[in-house]
Structures are given as structure tokens and as C-alpha cells.
C-alpha atoms as a PDB file:
ATOM      1  CA  MET A   1       3.965  28.898  69.506  1.00  0.00           C
ATOM      2  CA  ARG A   2       4.326  31.033  66.389  1.00  0.00           C
ATOM      3  CA  ARG A   3       7.579  32.735  65.607  1.00  0.00           C
ATOM      4  CA  PRO A   4       7.636  36.265  64.208  1.00  0.00           C
ATOM      5  CA  VAL A   5       8.199  36.549  60.480  1.00  0.00           C
ATOM      6  CA  PRO A   6      11.551  38.241  59.750  1.00  0.00           C
ATOM      7  CA  SER A   7      11.226  41.643  58.177  1.00  0.00           C
ATOM      8  CA  ARG A   8      12.307  42.149  54.586  1.00  0.00           C
ATOM      9  CA  PRO A   9      15.281  44.408  55.506  1.00  0.00           C
ATOM     10  CA  VAL A  10      16.759  41.641  57.668  1.00  0.00           C
ATOM     11  CA  VAL A  11      16.401  39.136  54.836  1.00  0.00           C
ATOM     12  CA  ASP A  12      17.908  41.615  52.359  1.00  0.00           C
ATOM     13  CA  ASP A  13      20.886  42.202  54.680  1.00  0.00           C
ATOM     14  CA  CYS A  14      21.478  38.463  54.985  1.00  0.00           C
ATOM     15  CA  LEU A  15      21.302  38.031  51.222  1.00  0.00           C
ATOM     16  CA  ALA A  16      23.791  40.881  50.754  1.00  0.00           C
ATOM     17  CA  VAL A  17      26.232  39.153  53.118  1.00  0.00           C
ATOM     18  CA  ILE A  18      25.827  35.882  51.208  1.00  0.00           C
ATOM     19  CA  ASP A  19      26.496  37.692  47.919  1.00  0.00           C
ATOM     20  CA  ALA A  20      29.644  39.320  49.339  1.00  0.00           C
ATOM     21  CA  ILE A  21      30.948  36.012  50.648  1.00  0.00           C
ATOM     22  CA  GLN A  22      30.209  34.370  47.300  1.00  0.00           C
ATOM     23  CA  LEU A  23      32.431  36.938  45.560  1.00  0.00           C
ATOM     24  CA  LEU A  24      35.300  35.966  47.867  1.00  0.00           C
ATOM     25  CA  ILE A  25      34.657  32.270  47.286  1.00  0.00           C
ATOM     26  CA  ASP A  26      34.647  32.788  43.512  1.00  0.00           C
ATOM     27  CA  SER A  27      37.947  34.674  43.690  1.00  0.00           C
ATOM     28  CA  LEU A  28      39.605  31.970  45.803  1.00  0.00           C
ATOM     29  CA  ASP A  29      38.196  29.240  43.564  1.00  0.00           C
ATOM     30  CA  GLU A  30      39.761  30.950  40.545  1.00  0.00           C
ATOM     31  CA  ARG A  31      43.141  31.113  42.310  1.00  0.00           C
ATOM     32  CA  VAL A  32      43.002  27.406  43.215  1.00  0.00           C
ATOM     33  CA  HIS A  33      42.152  26.567  39.601  1.00  0.00           C
ATOM     34  CA  GLU A  34      45.042  28.714  38.295  1.00  0.00           C
ATOM     35  CA  HIS A  35      47.543  27.024  40.613  1.00  0.00           C
ATOM     36  CA  ALA A  36      46.224  23.571  39.746  1.00  0.00           C
ATOM     37  CA  THR A  37      46.450  24.100  36.003  1.00  0.00           C
ATOM     38  CA  ALA A  38      50.026  25.378  36.367  1.00  0.00           C
ATOM     39  CA  ASP A  39      51.149  22.289  38.322  1.00  0.00           C
ATOM     40  CA  PRO A  40      51.714  19.246  36.051  1.00  0.00           C
ATOM     41  CA  PRO A  41      51.165  16.567  38.742  1.00  0.00           C
ATOM     42  CA  ILE A  42      47.868  18.149  39.739  1.00  0.00           C
ATOM     43  CA  LYS A  43      46.812  18.373  36.087  1.00  0.00           C
ATOM     44  CA  VAL A  44      47.345  14.620  35.813  1.00  0.00           C
ATOM     45  CA  LEU A  45      45.500  13.913  39.072  1.00  0.00           C
ATOM     46  CA  THR A  46      42.472  15.925  37.938  1.00  0.00           C
ATOM     47  CA  ARG A  47      41.982  13.442  35.098  1.00  0.00           C
ATOM     48  CA  VAL A  48      40.869  10.903  37.718  1.00  0.00           C
ATOM     49  CA  PRO A  49      37.067  11.008  38.077  1.00  0.00           C
ATOM     50  CA  GLY A  50      36.105  12.839  41.242  1.00  0.00           C
ATOM     51  CA  VAL A  51      39.453  14.606  41.649  1.00  0.00           C
ATOM     52  CA  GLY A  52      39.378  18.324  41.005  1.00  0.00           C
ATOM     53  CA  PRO A  53      41.901  21.087  41.490  1.00  0.00           C
ATOM     54  CA  PHE A  54      41.059  21.447  45.184  1.00  0.00           C
ATOM     55  CA  THR A  55      41.529  17.740  46.027  1.00  0.00           C
ATOM     56  CA  GLY A  56      44.446  17.293  43.640  1.00  0.00           C
ATOM     57  CA  ARG A  57      46.790  19.432  45.761  1.00  0.00           C
ATOM     58  CA  PRO A  58      46.614  17.361  48.973  1.00  0.00           C
ATOM     59  CA  LEU A  59      46.861  14.182  46.923  1.00  0.00           C
ATOM     60  CA  ARG A  60      50.016  15.502  45.268  1.00  0.00           C
ATOM     61  CA  ASP A  61      51.500  16.376  48.654  1.00  0.00           C
ATOM     62  CA  ALA A  62      50.477  13.123  50.377  1.00  0.00           C
ATOM     63  CA  PRO A  63      53.301  10.887  51.557  1.00  0.00           C
ATOM     64  CA  THR A  64      53.797   7.871  49.306  1.00  0.00           C
ATOM     65  CA  GLY A  65      55.502   5.600  51.788  1.00  0.00           C
ATOM     66  CA  ALA A  66      58.576   5.487  49.548  1.00  0.00           C
ATOM     67  CA  PRO A  67      61.895   6.587  51.055  1.00  0.00           C
ATOM     68  CA  ALA A  68      62.920  10.113  50.154  1.00  0.00           C
END
């Protein structure tokens, strides 16, 4: 059974939504990067291969097992 081909306006609307969401993602990504570069422990953690500003924060906040 053949499916109908979506019309161009529907595709254009979907692409516009993706573009709008991407702007929000870019803004949030910039904020995460700013916070990470202002936090010395996260700056150190991001030197580890595979650890970026987004993963550095939870690693910094992870319990170490040492008594407080």
C-alpha cells in the first residue's frame, strides 16, 4: 500500500519547528558552557577525554564515598 507524499507546506512547517528548537538548544548549550568554564572543578574534569561541560557537572556533584 502506498502512502501519500507529504505536501511541501507540511515539510516546511516541520523544518521551521526544528529550526526554532535548535535556537533554544544552542542558547542552553551556551549557558552550560559558560557555567562549566566558570567552575574550576568542571574545567579540570573536561580535560579528561570524553568529558565535556555537560557531563562534567554531574561528575563534579557525584558522591565520592568519602565522609563529609
